[in-house]
């Protein structure tokens, strides 16, 4: 019995791993960020993306859904952007 794995599946798994490792790196940077300091680099980009997604979602749904669905929508946006690249 042989198992056939399509190449698209390996690309999707690899992309998911890359995104998750990147998000772990951003999470560590955000945890070490001091609120009184001026954001720069990865922290600045992360805050900018969160503001964009929150602004986009607040036009469509109420704020209580933005808090719950915002991270998921941001992950999907990053996934679609990178998978089409």
Protein backbone atom coordinates (compact mmCIF):
# COMPACT_ATOMS: atom_id res chain seq x y z
CA UNK A 1 0.00 0.00 0.00
CA UNK A 2 1.43 3.37 -0.98
CA UNK A 3 0.36 6.80 0.14
CA UNK A 4 0.41 9.51 -2.48
CA UNK A 5 0.96 13.05 -1.23
CA UNK A 6 0.24 15.84 -3.66
CA UNK A 7 2.79 18.61 -3.90
CA UNK A 8 0.13 21.23 -3.09
CA UNK A 9 -0.39 19.64 0.30
CA UNK A 10 3.29 19.95 1.17
CA UNK A 11 3.25 23.61 0.13
CA UNK A 12 0.20 24.30 2.31
CA UNK A 13 1.74 22.56 5.31
CA UNK A 14 5.04 24.39 4.81
CA UNK A 15 3.26 27.74 4.47
CA UNK A 16 1.29 27.10 7.65
CA UNK A 17 4.47 26.24 9.55
CA UNK A 18 6.22 29.38 8.26
CA UNK A 19 3.28 31.59 9.27
CA UNK A 20 3.04 30.02 12.72
CA UNK A 21 6.79 30.40 13.34
CA UNK A 22 6.55 34.02 12.21
CA UNK A 23 3.61 34.66 14.53
CA UNK A 24 5.51 33.09 17.42
CA UNK A 25 8.41 35.45 16.72
CA UNK A 26 6.07 38.45 16.59
CA UNK A 27 4.44 37.30 19.83
CA UNK A 28 7.80 37.20 21.61
CA UNK A 29 8.61 40.69 20.33
CA UNK A 30 5.22 41.99 21.50
CA UNK A 31 5.66 40.43 24.95
CA UNK A 32 9.01 42.15 25.39
CA UNK A 33 7.70 45.51 24.12
CA UNK A 34 7.46 48.27 26.73
CA UNK A 35 4.24 50.31 26.33
CA UNK A 36 6.01 53.61 27.01
CA UNK A 37 8.58 53.03 24.22
CA UNK A 38 7.96 54.05 20.63
CA UNK A 39 7.15 50.98 18.50
CA UNK A 40 9.57 50.10 15.73
CA UNK A 41 10.32 47.20 13.42
CA UNK A 42 8.22 44.07 13.86
CA UNK A 43 6.15 45.61 16.66
CA UNK A 44 5.25 48.59 14.50
CA UNK A 45 4.16 46.38 11.60
CA UNK A 46 2.12 44.13 13.91
CA UNK A 47 0.32 47.09 15.48
CA UNK A 48 -0.31 48.58 12.05
CA UNK A 49 -1.84 45.32 10.74
CA UNK A 50 -4.06 44.98 13.81
CA UNK A 51 -5.34 48.54 13.37
CA UNK A 52 -6.10 47.90 9.69
CA UNK A 53 -8.04 44.69 10.45
CA UNK A 54 -9.93 46.31 13.34
CA UNK A 55 -10.88 49.30 11.19
CA UNK A 56 -11.99 47.04 8.36
CA UNK A 57 -14.06 44.80 10.60
CA UNK A 58 -15.67 47.62 12.62
CA UNK A 59 -17.27 48.85 9.39
CA UNK A 60 -18.95 45.48 8.97
CA UNK A 61 -19.66 44.04 12.45
CA UNK A 62 -19.87 45.31 16.03
CA UNK A 63 -16.78 45.68 18.24
CA UNK A 64 -17.48 42.56 20.33
CA UNK A 65 -17.05 40.44 17.21
CA UNK A 66 -13.88 42.30 16.24
CA UNK A 67 -12.17 41.17 19.46
CA UNK A 68 -13.13 37.54 18.82
CA UNK A 69 -12.68 37.30 15.06
CA UNK A 70 -9.88 39.83 14.48
CA UNK A 71 -6.93 37.46 15.00
CA UNK A 72 -8.56 34.81 12.80
CA UNK A 73 -9.25 37.27 9.99
CA UNK A 74 -5.68 38.59 10.21
CA UNK A 75 -4.30 35.04 9.98
CA UNK A 76 -6.49 34.33 6.95
CA UNK A 77 -5.37 37.55 5.27
CA UNK A 78 -1.71 36.66 5.79
CA UNK A 79 -2.33 33.09 4.60
CA UNK A 80 -4.11 34.18 1.41
CA UNK A 81 -1.50 36.85 0.69
CA UNK A 82 1.42 34.44 1.06
CA UNK A 83 -0.26 31.52 -0.70
CA UNK A 84 -0.93 33.66 -3.76
CA UNK A 85 2.62 34.96 -3.82
